[in-house]
C-alpha atoms as a PDB file:
ATOM      1  CA  MET A   1       0.000   0.000   0.000  1.00  0.00           C
ATOM      2  CA  LYS A   2       1.305   3.452  -0.904  1.00  0.00           C
ATOM      3  CA  ARG A   3       2.333   5.785   1.916  1.00  0.00           C
ATOM      4  CA  SER A   4      -0.222   8.400   0.838  1.00  0.00           C
ATOM      5  CA  ALA A   5      -3.013   5.822   0.963  1.00  0.00           C
ATOM      6  CA  THR A   6      -1.853   4.713   4.425  1.00  0.00           C
ATOM      7  CA  GLY A   7      -1.891   8.316   5.589  1.00  0.00           C
ATOM      8  CA  TRP A   8      -5.430   8.873   4.312  1.00  0.00           C
ATOM      9  CA  LEU A   9      -6.512   5.612   5.963  1.00  0.00           C
ATOM     10  CA  PHE A  10      -5.430   6.946   9.356  1.00  0.00           C
ATOM     11  CA  ALA A  11      -6.567  10.533   8.786  1.00  0.00           C
ATOM     12  CA  GLY A  12      -9.801   9.615   7.019  1.00  0.00           C
ATOM     13  CA  PRO A  13     -12.019   9.142  10.117  1.00  0.00           C
ATOM     14  CA  ALA A  14     -10.840  12.443  11.609  1.00  0.00           C
ATOM     15  CA  VAL A  15     -11.353  14.297   8.305  1.00  0.00           C
ATOM     16  CA  LEU A  16     -14.802  12.748   7.943  1.00  0.00           C
ATOM     17  CA  ALA A  17     -15.737  13.744  11.500  1.00  0.00           C
ATOM     18  CA  ILE A  18     -14.567  17.336  10.921  1.00  0.00           C
ATOM     19  CA  PHE A  19     -16.549  17.492   7.659  1.00  0.00           C
ATOM     20  CA  VAL A  20     -19.748  16.101   9.217  1.00  0.00           C
ATOM     21  CA  PHE A  21     -19.648  17.874  12.574  1.00  0.00           C
ATOM     22  CA  PHE A  22     -18.042  21.200  11.554  1.00  0.00           C
ATOM     23  CA  PHE A  23     -18.232  22.066   7.854  1.00  0.00           C
ATOM     24  CA  ILE A  24     -21.815  20.914   7.263  1.00  0.00           C
ATOM     25  CA  PRO A  25     -23.253  22.702  10.363  1.00  0.00           C
ATOM     26  CA  ALA A  26     -21.155  25.823   9.679  1.00  0.00           C
ATOM     27  CA  THR A  27     -22.305  25.937   6.049  1.00  0.00           C
ATOM     28  CA  ALA A  28     -25.927  25.405   7.105  1.00  0.00           C
ATOM     29  CA  ALA A  29     -25.633  28.229   9.668  1.00  0.00           C
ATOM     30  CA  LEU A  30     -24.104  30.549   7.054  1.00  0.00           C
ATOM     31  CA  ILE A  31     -26.999  29.850   4.670  1.00  0.00           C
ATOM     32  CA  LEU A  32     -29.460  30.303   7.549  1.00  0.00           C
ATOM     33  CA  SER A  33     -27.988  33.730   8.337  1.00  0.00           C
ATOM     34  CA  LEU A  34     -29.006  34.841   4.834  1.00  0.00           C
ATOM     35  CA  THR A  35     -32.673  33.972   5.411  1.00  0.00           C
ATOM     36  CA  ASP A  36     -35.506  35.149   7.678  1.00  0.00           C
ATOM     37  CA  PHE A  37     -35.793  31.721   9.315  1.00  0.00           C
ATOM     38  CA  ASP A  38     -38.115  32.171  12.304  1.00  0.00           C
ATOM     39  CA  ILE A  39     -40.918  30.395  14.132  1.00  0.00           C
ATOM     40  CA  TYR A  40     -43.206  30.738  11.101  1.00  0.00           C
ATOM     41  CA  ALA A  41     -40.634  28.994   8.921  1.00  0.00           C
ATOM     42  CA  LEU A  42     -40.380  26.256  11.536  1.00  0.00           C
ATOM     43  CA  ALA A  43     -44.131  25.679  11.214  1.00  0.00           C
ATOM     44  CA  ASP A  44     -44.104  25.818   7.426  1.00  0.00           C
ATOM     45  CA  ILE A  45     -40.859  25.880   5.417  1.00  0.00           C
ATOM     46  CA  ARG A  46     -42.679  27.758   2.634  1.00  0.00           C
ATOM     47  CA  ASN A  47     -42.520  30.855   4.855  1.00  0.00           C
ATOM     48  CA  LEU A  48     -38.727  30.868   4.552  1.00  0.00           C
ATOM     49  CA  ARG A  49     -37.358  33.719   2.430  1.00  0.00           C
ATOM     50  CA  PHE A  50     -33.888  34.630   1.251  1.00  0.00           C
ATOM     51  CA  VAL A  51     -33.013  38.117   2.596  1.00  0.00           C
ATOM     52  CA  GLY A  52     -29.329  38.383   1.688  1.00  0.00           C
ATOM     53  CA  LEU A  53     -27.328  40.518   4.126  1.00  0.00           C
ATOM     54  CA  ARG A  54     -30.377  42.138   5.735  1.00  0.00           C
ATOM     55  CA  ASN A  55     -29.865  40.248   9.026  1.00  0.00           C
ATOM     56  CA  TYR A  56     -26.303  41.597   9.263  1.00  0.00           C
ATOM     57  CA  ALA A  57     -27.388  45.156   8.426  1.00  0.00           C
ATOM     58  CA  GLU A  58     -30.186  45.114  11.024  1.00  0.00           C
ATOM     59  CA  LEU A  59     -27.874  43.566  13.585  1.00  0.00           C
ATOM     60  CA  LEU A  60     -25.331  46.376  13.274  1.00  0.00           C
ATOM     61  CA  GLN A  61     -28.122  48.910  13.954  1.00  0.00           C
ATOM     62  CA  LEU A  62     -29.217  47.305  17.242  1.00  0.00           C
ATOM     63  CA  PRO A  63     -27.915  49.164  20.341  1.00  0.00           C
ATOM     64  CA  LEU A  64     -28.215  45.970  22.413  1.00  0.00           C
ATOM     65  CA  PHE A  65     -25.818  44.169  20.070  1.00  0.00           C
ATOM     66  CA  TRP A  66     -23.168  46.870  20.511  1.00  0.00           C
ATOM     67  CA  LEU A  67     -23.720  46.812  24.282  1.00  0.00           C
ATOM     68  CA  ALA A  68     -23.285  43.028  24.264  1.00  0.00           C
ATOM     69  CA  LEU A  69     -20.151  43.365  22.133  1.00  0.00           C
ATOM     70  CA  GLY A  70     -18.738  45.967  24.530  1.00  0.00           C
ATOM     71  CA  ASN A  71     -19.461  43.719  27.522  1.00  0.00           C
ATOM     72  CA  THR A  72     -17.793  40.802  25.760  1.00  0.00           C
ATOM     73  CA  LEU A  73     -14.686  42.815  24.875  1.00  0.00           C
ATOM     74  CA  TYR A  74     -14.500  44.075  28.480  1.00  0.00           C
ATOM     75  CA  PHE A  75     -14.652  40.478  29.675  1.00  0.00           C
ATOM     76  CA  VAL A  76     -11.951  39.398  27.195  1.00  0.00           C
ATOM     77  CA  PHE A  77      -9.529  42.305  27.665  1.00  0.00           C
ATOM     78  CA  VAL A  78      -9.674  42.163  31.471  1.00  0.00           C
ATOM     79  CA  GLY A  79     -10.263  38.459  32.025  1.00  0.00           C
ATOM     80  CA  VAL A  80      -7.736  36.902  29.639  1.00  0.00           C
ATOM     81  CA  PRO A  81      -4.600  38.698  30.980  1.00  0.00           C
ATOM     82  CA  LEU A  82      -5.673  38.112  34.588  1.00  0.00           C
ATOM     83  CA  SER A  83      -6.418  34.455  33.893  1.00  0.00           C
ATOM     84  CA  LEU A  84      -3.034  33.929  32.201  1.00  0.00           C
ATOM     85  CA  ALA A  85      -1.234  35.745  35.040  1.00  0.00           C
ATOM     86  CA  ALA A  86      -2.992  33.579  37.658  1.00  0.00           C
ATOM     87  CA  SER A  87      -2.162  30.411  35.710  1.00  0.00           C
ATOM     88  CA  LEU A  88       1.488  31.382  35.263  1.00  0.00           C
ATOM     89  CA  GLY A  89       1.820  32.373  38.930  1.00  0.00           C
ATOM     90  CA  ALA A  90       0.346  29.066  40.095  1.00  0.00           C
ATOM     91  CA  ALA A  91       2.566  27.120  37.694  1.00  0.00           C
ATOM     92  CA  MET A  92       5.704  28.917  38.915  1.00  0.00           C
ATOM     93  CA  LEU A  93       4.678  28.281  42.508  1.00  0.00           C
ATOM     94  CA  ILE A  94       4.263  24.551  41.908  1.00  0.00           C
ATOM     95  CA  ASN A  95       7.449  24.407  39.843  1.00  0.00           C
ATOM     96  CA  SER A  96       9.483  25.963  42.669  1.00  0.00           C
ATOM     97  CA  LYS A  97      11.915  23.676  44.480  1.00  0.00           C
ATOM     98  CA  LEU A  98      10.848  25.200  47.803  1.00  0.00           C
ATOM     99  CA  VAL A  99       7.264  23.939  47.569  1.00  0.00           C
ATOM    100  CA  ARG A 100       6.321  20.579  49.094  1.00  0.00           C
ATOM    101  CA  PHE A 101       3.265  18.412  48.339  1.00  0.00           C
ATOM    102  CA  LYS A 102       3.218  19.494  44.690  1.00  0.00           C
ATOM    103  CA  PRO A 103       0.725  16.802  43.551  1.00  0.00           C
ATOM    104  CA  LEU A 104      -1.707  18.049  46.200  1.00  0.00           C
ATOM    105  CA  TYR A 105      -1.482  21.651  44.944  1.00  0.00           C
ATOM    106  CA  ARG A 106      -1.848  20.503  41.324  1.00  0.00           C
ATOM    107  CA  THR A 107      -5.031  18.657  42.263  1.00  0.00           C
ATOM    108  CA  ILE A 108      -6.456  21.567  44.254  1.00  0.00           C
ATOM    109  CA  PHE A 109      -5.749  24.136  41.533  1.00  0.00           C
ATOM    110  CA  PHE A 110      -7.052  21.913  38.725  1.00  0.00           C
ATOM    111  CA  ALA A 111     -10.211  20.806  40.553  1.00  0.00           C
ATOM    112  CA  PRO A 112     -12.361  23.873  39.620  1.00  0.00           C
ATOM    113  CA  PHE A 113     -11.808  23.186  35.922  1.00  0.00           C
ATOM    114  CA  VAL A 114     -13.422  19.736  36.079  1.00  0.00           C
ATOM    115  CA  MET A 115     -16.408  20.941  38.108  1.00  0.00           C
ATOM    116  CA  THR A 116     -19.721  21.363  36.320  1.00  0.00           C
ATOM    117  CA  LEU A 117     -19.908  24.976  35.226  1.00  0.00           C
ATOM    118  CA  VAL A 118     -23.568  25.503  36.119  1.00  0.00           C
ATOM    119  CA  ALA A 119     -23.212  23.888  39.553  1.00  0.00           C
ATOM    120  CA  ALA A 120     -20.120  25.993  40.334  1.00  0.00           C
ATOM    121  CA  ALA A 121     -21.921  29.161  39.156  1.00  0.00           C
ATOM    122  CA  VAL A 122     -24.843  28.421  41.475  1.00  0.00           C
ATOM    123  CA  VAL A 123     -22.457  27.984  44.419  1.00  0.00           C
ATOM    124  CA  TRP A 124     -20.702  31.273  43.579  1.00  0.00           C
ATOM    125  CA  ARG A 125     -24.057  33.034  43.334  1.00  0.00           C
ATOM    126  CA  TYR A 126     -24.674  32.121  46.960  1.00  0.00           C
ATOM    127  CA  LEU A 127     -21.115  33.033  47.983  1.00  0.00           C
ATOM    128  CA  LEU A 128     -21.688  36.485  46.478  1.00  0.00           C
ATOM    129  CA  HIS A 129     -25.155  36.909  47.968  1.00  0.00           C
ATOM    130  CA  THR A 130     -25.614  40.433  49.350  1.00  0.00           C
ATOM    131  CA  ARG A 131     -26.940  39.422  52.779  1.00  0.00           C
ATOM    132  CA  TYR A 132     -25.852  35.824  53.339  1.00  0.00           C
ATOM    133  CA  GLY A 133     -22.759  35.438  51.135  1.00  0.00           C
ATOM    134  CA  MET A 134     -19.308  34.622  52.472  1.00  0.00           C
ATOM    135  CA  ALA A 135     -17.740  37.465  50.460  1.00  0.00           C
ATOM    136  CA  ASN A 136     -19.702  40.180  52.255  1.00  0.00           C
ATOM    137  CA  TYR A 137     -19.246  38.395  55.588  1.00  0.00           C
ATOM    138  CA  GLY A 138     -15.488  38.678  55.080  1.00  0.00           C
ATOM    139  CA  LEU A 139     -15.794  42.374  54.191  1.00  0.00           C
ATOM    140  CA  GLU A 140     -17.823  43.070  57.327  1.00  0.00           C
ATOM    141  CA  GLN A 141     -15.183  41.342  59.468  1.00  0.00           C
ATOM    142  CA  ILE A 142     -12.582  43.870  58.344  1.00  0.00           C
ATOM    143  CA  GLY A 143     -14.923  46.853  58.700  1.00  0.00           C
ATOM    144  CA  LEU A 144     -15.937  47.340  55.052  1.00  0.00           C
ATOM    145  CA  GLN A 145     -19.433  47.882  53.697  1.00  0.00           C
ATOM    146  CA  PRO A 146     -21.100  44.936  51.927  1.00  0.00           C
ATOM    147  CA  ILE A 147     -21.203  45.000  48.132  1.00  0.00           C
ATOM    148  CA  ASP A 148     -24.073  44.002  45.877  1.00  0.00           C
ATOM    149  CA  TRP A 149     -21.760  41.866  43.765  1.00  0.00           C
ATOM    150  CA  LEU A 150     -24.278  40.658  41.188  1.00  0.00           C
ATOM    151  CA  GLY A 151     -26.870  43.455  41.494  1.00  0.00           C
ATOM    152  CA  ASP A 152     -24.641  46.503  41.067  1.00  0.00           C
ATOM    153  CA  PRO A 153     -23.858  47.321  37.400  1.00  0.00           C
ATOM    154  CA  ALA A 154     -20.318  48.322  38.389  1.00  0.00           C
ATOM    155  CA  TRP A 155     -19.581  45.024  40.158  1.00  0.00           C
ATOM    156  CA  ALA A 156     -21.538  42.435  38.159  1.00  0.00           C
ATOM    157  CA  MET A 157     -19.024  41.903  35.336  1.00  0.00           C
ATOM    158  CA  PRO A 158     -15.930  41.963  37.626  1.00  0.00           C
ATOM    159  CA  SER A 159     -17.642  39.297  39.763  1.00  0.00           C
ATOM    160  CA  ILE A 160     -18.203  37.118  36.692  1.00  0.00           C
ATOM    161  CA  ILE A 161     -14.592  37.688  35.603  1.00  0.00           C
ATOM    162  CA  LEU A 162     -13.385  36.580  39.036  1.00  0.00           C
ATOM    163  CA  PHE A 163     -15.500  33.444  38.815  1.00  0.00           C
ATOM    164  CA  ALA A 164     -14.290  32.679  35.276  1.00  0.00           C
ATOM    165  CA  ILE A 165     -10.646  33.039  36.333  1.00  0.00           C
ATOM    166  CA  TRP A 166     -11.175  30.706  39.299  1.00  0.00           C
ATOM    167  CA  LYS A 167     -12.934  28.199  37.033  1.00  0.00           C
ATOM    168  CA  THR A 168     -10.384  28.082  34.206  1.00  0.00           C
ATOM    169  CA  PHE A 169      -6.920  28.996  35.493  1.00  0.00           C
ATOM    170  CA  GLY A 170      -6.080  25.405  36.478  1.00  0.00           C
ATOM    171  CA  TYR A 171      -6.181  24.212  32.855  1.00  0.00           C
ATOM    172  CA  ASN A 172      -3.646  26.772  31.661  1.00  0.00           C
ATOM    173  CA  MET A 173      -1.580  26.138  34.800  1.00  0.00           C
ATOM    174  CA  ILE A 174      -0.925  22.562  33.630  1.00  0.00           C
ATOM    175  CA  ILE A 175       0.219  23.815  30.205  1.00  0.00           C
ATOM    176  CA  PHE A 176       2.455  26.479  31.765  1.00  0.00           C
ATOM    177  CA  LEU A 177       3.916  23.898  34.144  1.00  0.00           C
ATOM    178  CA  ALA A 178       4.905  21.688  31.218  1.00  0.00           C
ATOM    179  CA  GLY A 179       6.468  24.713  29.522  1.00  0.00           C
ATOM    180  CA  LEU A 180       8.442  25.710  32.622  1.00  0.00           C
ATOM    181  CA  GLN A 181       9.806  22.185  33.021  1.00  0.00           C
ATOM    182  CA  SER A 182      10.995  22.200  29.386  1.00  0.00           C
ATOM    183  CA  ILE A 183      13.258  25.242  29.898  1.00  0.00           C
ATOM    184  CA  PRO A 184      16.859  24.019  30.376  1.00  0.00           C
ATOM    185  CA  GLN A 185      18.158  24.670  33.886  1.00  0.00           C
ATOM    186  CA  ASP A 186      21.544  25.529  32.365  1.00  0.00           C
ATOM    187  CA  LEU A 187      20.090  28.865  31.241  1.00  0.00           C
ATOM    188  CA  TYR A 188      19.087  29.775  34.798  1.00  0.00           C
ATOM    189  CA  GLU A 189      22.488  28.689  36.126  1.00  0.00           C
ATOM    190  CA  ALA A 190      24.288  30.821  33.512  1.00  0.00           C
ATOM    191  CA  ALA A 191      22.043  33.790  34.393  1.00  0.00           C
ATOM    192  CA  ARG A 192      22.826  33.413  38.107  1.00  0.00           C
ATOM    193  CA  ILE A 193      26.562  33.266  37.376  1.00  0.00           C
ATOM    194  CA  ASP A 194      26.194  36.522  35.411  1.00  0.00           C
ATOM    195  CA  GLY A 195      24.560  38.115  38.467  1.00  0.00           C
ATOM    196  CA  ALA A 196      20.979  38.236  37.132  1.00  0.00           C
ATOM    197  CA  SER A 197      18.279  38.904  39.725  1.00  0.00           C
ATOM    198  CA  ARG A 198      15.124  36.766  39.946  1.00  0.00           C
ATOM    199  CA  TRP A 199      13.157  39.362  37.957  1.00  0.00           C
ATOM    200  CA  GLN A 200      15.886  39.444  35.273  1.00  0.00           C
ATOM    201  CA  GLN A 201      15.842  35.629  35.107  1.00  0.00           C
ATOM    202  CA  PHE A 202      12.048  35.748  34.663  1.00  0.00           C
ATOM    203  CA  ARG A 203      12.271  38.545  32.063  1.00  0.00           C
ATOM    204  CA  HIS A 204      15.119  37.144  29.949  1.00  0.00           C
ATOM    205  CA  VAL A 205      14.902  33.360  30.478  1.00  0.00           C
ATOM    206  CA  THR A 206      11.420  32.315  31.576  1.00  0.00           C
ATOM    207  CA  LEU A 207       9.282  34.544  29.347  1.00  0.00           C
ATOM    208  CA  PRO A 208      11.257  33.857  26.099  1.00  0.00           C
ATOM    209  CA  GLY A 209      11.150  30.141  26.898  1.00  0.00           C
ATOM    210  CA  LEU A 210       7.390  30.286  27.362  1.00  0.00           C
ATOM    211  CA  THR A 211       6.602  32.282  24.193  1.00  0.00           C
ATOM    212  CA  PRO A 212       4.994  29.363  22.273  1.00  0.00           C
ATOM    213  CA  VAL A 213       3.080  28.330  25.411  1.00  0.00           C
ATOM    214  CA  LEU A 214       1.882  31.901  25.983  1.00  0.00           C
ATOM    215  CA  LEU A 215       0.637  32.071  22.397  1.00  0.00           C
ATOM    216  CA  LEU A 216      -1.204  28.752  22.708  1.00  0.00           C
ATOM    217  CA  THR A 217      -2.838  29.560  26.038  1.00  0.00           C
ATOM    218  CA  GLY A 218      -3.619  33.109  24.896  1.00  0.00           C
ATOM    219  CA  VAL A 219      -5.472  31.908  21.791  1.00  0.00           C
ATOM    220  CA  LEU A 220      -7.346  29.168  23.656  1.00  0.00           C
ATOM    221  CA  THR A 221      -8.324  31.422  26.563  1.00  0.00           C
ATOM    222  CA  MET A 222      -9.400  34.261  24.301  1.00  0.00           C
ATOM    223  CA  ALA A 223     -11.606  31.913  22.261  1.00  0.00           C
ATOM    224  CA  GLN A 224     -13.097  30.558  25.465  1.00  0.00           C
ATOM    225  CA  TYR A 225     -13.758  34.021  26.921  1.00  0.00           C
ATOM    226  CA  PHE A 226     -15.372  35.281  23.714  1.00  0.00           C
ATOM    227  CA  GLN A 227     -17.955  32.521  24.177  1.00  0.00           C
ATOM    228  CA  LEU A 228     -19.078  33.674  27.621  1.00  0.00           C
ATOM    229  CA  PHE A 229     -22.644  32.502  28.166  1.00  0.00           C
ATOM    230  CA  ALA A 230     -23.337  30.093  31.050  1.00  0.00           C
ATOM    231  CA  GLU A 231     -21.915  32.354  33.773  1.00  0.00           C
ATOM    232  CA  PRO A 232     -24.217  35.370  33.134  1.00  0.00           C
ATOM    233  CA  TYR A 233     -27.115  33.063  32.265  1.00  0.00           C
ATOM    234  CA  VAL A 234     -26.929  31.351  35.667  1.00  0.00           C
ATOM    235  CA  MET A 235     -25.657  34.182  37.876  1.00  0.00           C
ATOM    236  CA  THR A 236     -27.273  37.389  36.555  1.00  0.00           C
ATOM    237  CA  GLN A 237     -29.629  36.552  33.643  1.00  0.00           C
ATOM    238  CA  GLY A 238     -27.871  39.296  31.701  1.00  0.00           C
ATOM    239  CA  GLY A 239     -28.538  41.977  34.354  1.00  0.00           C
ATOM    240  CA  PRO A 240     -28.291  44.323  36.063  1.00  0.00           C
ATOM    241  CA  ALA A 241     -29.230  46.892  33.400  1.00  0.00           C
ATOM    242  CA  GLN A 242     -27.961  44.433  30.721  1.00  0.00           C
ATOM    243  CA  ARG A 243     -24.377  44.970  31.896  1.00  0.00           C
ATOM    244  CA  THR A 244     -23.598  41.233  31.636  1.00  0.00           C
ATOM    245  CA  VAL A 245     -25.336  40.561  28.314  1.00  0.00           C
ATOM    246  CA  THR A 246     -22.651  39.108  26.063  1.00  0.00           C
ATOM    247  CA  VAL A 247     -22.681  38.385  22.343  1.00  0.00           C
ATOM    248  CA  LEU A 248     -23.370  34.701  22.919  1.00  0.00           C
ATOM    249  CA  TYR A 249     -26.127  35.516  25.419  1.00  0.00           C
ATOM    250  CA  PHE A 250     -27.609  37.941  22.877  1.00  0.00           C
ATOM    251  CA  MET A 251     -27.433  35.201  20.219  1.00  0.00           C
ATOM    252  CA  TYR A 252     -29.193  32.756  22.542  1.00  0.00           C
ATOM    253  CA  GLU A 253     -32.038  35.191  23.141  1.00  0.00           C
ATOM    254  CA  GLN A 254     -32.394  35.904  19.427  1.00  0.00           C
ATOM    255  CA  GLY A 255     -32.458  32.211  18.565  1.00  0.00           C
ATOM    256  CA  PHE A 256     -34.293  30.519  21.405  1.00  0.00           C
ATOM    257  CA  LYS A 257     -36.289  33.282  23.104  1.00  0.00           C
ATOM    258  CA  TRP A 258     -37.494  35.254  20.085  1.00  0.00           C
ATOM    259  CA  TRP A 259     -36.989  32.433  17.535  1.00  0.00           C
ATOM    260  CA  ASN A 260     -35.166  34.676  15.063  1.00  0.00           C
ATOM    261  CA  LEU A 261     -32.856  31.884  13.981  1.00  0.00           C
ATOM    262  CA  GLY A 262     -31.638  33.708  10.880  1.00  0.00           C
ATOM    263  CA  SER A 263     -30.603  36.732  12.953  1.00  0.00           C
ATOM    264  CA  ALA A 264     -29.008  34.454  15.593  1.00  0.00           C
ATOM    265  CA  SER A 265     -26.921  32.787  12.881  1.00  0.00           C
ATOM    266  CA  ALA A 266     -25.763  36.212  11.714  1.00  0.00           C
ATOM    267  CA  VAL A 267     -24.671  37.003  15.298  1.00  0.00           C
ATOM    268  CA  ALA A 268     -22.643  33.780  15.352  1.00  0.00           C
ATOM    269  CA  PHE A 269     -20.735  34.722  12.206  1.00  0.00           C
ATOM    270  CA  VAL A 270     -20.068  38.272  13.389  1.00  0.00           C
ATOM    271  CA  LEU A 271     -18.626  36.777  16.585  1.00  0.00           C
ATOM    272  CA  PHE A 272     -16.537  34.403  14.462  1.00  0.00           C
ATOM    273  CA  VAL A 273     -15.110  37.363  12.520  1.00  0.00           C
ATOM    274  CA  PHE A 274     -14.095  39.123  15.744  1.00  0.00           C
ATOM    275  CA  MET A 275     -12.479  35.965  17.128  1.00  0.00           C
ATOM    276  CA  PHE A 276     -10.602  35.417  13.848  1.00  0.00           C
ATOM    277  CA  ILE A 277      -9.296  39.010  13.816  1.00  0.00           C
ATOM    278  CA  PHE A 278      -8.092  38.868  17.428  1.00  0.00           C
ATOM    279  CA  THR A 279      -6.462  35.472  16.869  1.00  0.00           C
ATOM    280  CA  MET A 280      -4.545  36.834  13.868  1.00  0.00           C
ATOM    281  CA  LEU A 281      -3.471  39.828  15.973  1.00  0.00           C
ATOM    282  CA  GLN A 282      -2.106  37.491  18.633  1.00  0.00           C
ATOM    283  CA  PHE A 283      -0.111  35.559  16.027  1.00  0.00           C
ATOM    284  CA  ALA A 284       1.214  38.821  14.572  1.00  0.00           C
ATOM    285  CA  ILE A 285       2.285  40.110  18.012  1.00  0.00           C
ATOM    286  CA  ALA A 286       3.949  36.799  18.932  1.00  0.00           C
ATOM    287  CA  ARG A 287       5.809  36.567  15.621  1.00  0.00           C
ATOM    288  CA  PRO A 288       9.555  37.240  16.166  1.00  0.00           C
ATOM    289  CA  PRO A 289      11.028  40.265  14.372  1.00  0.00           C
ATOM    290  CA  ARG A 290      12.740  39.655  11.046  1.00  0.00           C
ATOM    291  CA  GLY A 291      16.286  38.445  11.451  1.00  0.00           C
ATOM    292  CA  ARG A 292      15.561  36.715  14.785  1.00  0.00           C
ATOM    293  CA  ALA A 293      13.398  33.872  13.445  1.00  0.00           C
END
């Protein structure tokens, strides 16, 4: 058997799965976004009409869409750097030679990631309860006024960001830990001999060694944060004052609350365009300057 045929034999099932479960649904959604598919079309397909780019044009004129996009970008720009910093800090802590019981810490830090998202969100909603939550109890113990974490427009999104970081940082921590352990110790020893401080070792040895890992975790985390939905759905229902309505939450309401499935499909592709642009920006920023590649 030829090598090319052997390769296709192994890759064939994966290619078939990608075609069936990605390309066909994505193509169907793209076609749907060009129609006025709604509850009337669900009842009788003869009510379906081709509307071209009208769904996209109407979408860009909706103030709620721009508010949802702004909330999503706020969540991404604040949450992703904080999540990566927490993951890297935890990984460096576990990787330190001074820390004992490393498997125990790895388990504790990774545990939130494997918890059911909805169940964890419900628990956090009670922790952040204005009157009975542990967060406000702690504030009162140090003489501070309680905060309406999920009911105050200024605190609702930061509370969700805090929850999202707690939920996801363990996954990136494992990736960072693998990256830290792949950096040759000879580089650190040479830096110490040259008199480099710990910050200089981190700046000139650790960060360059983690560049591919930072790019990978940055792209994955950004894609995950752009798809924020379950947290506001469970914890705030998009409130207060629609300050936690995200693009995916807006798409859900368009599709499954108002049954505007054509408009919801258009939202999905606009979100895809934003995610694609930001991913390309990350690759461009991480690309080494010419002459250093």
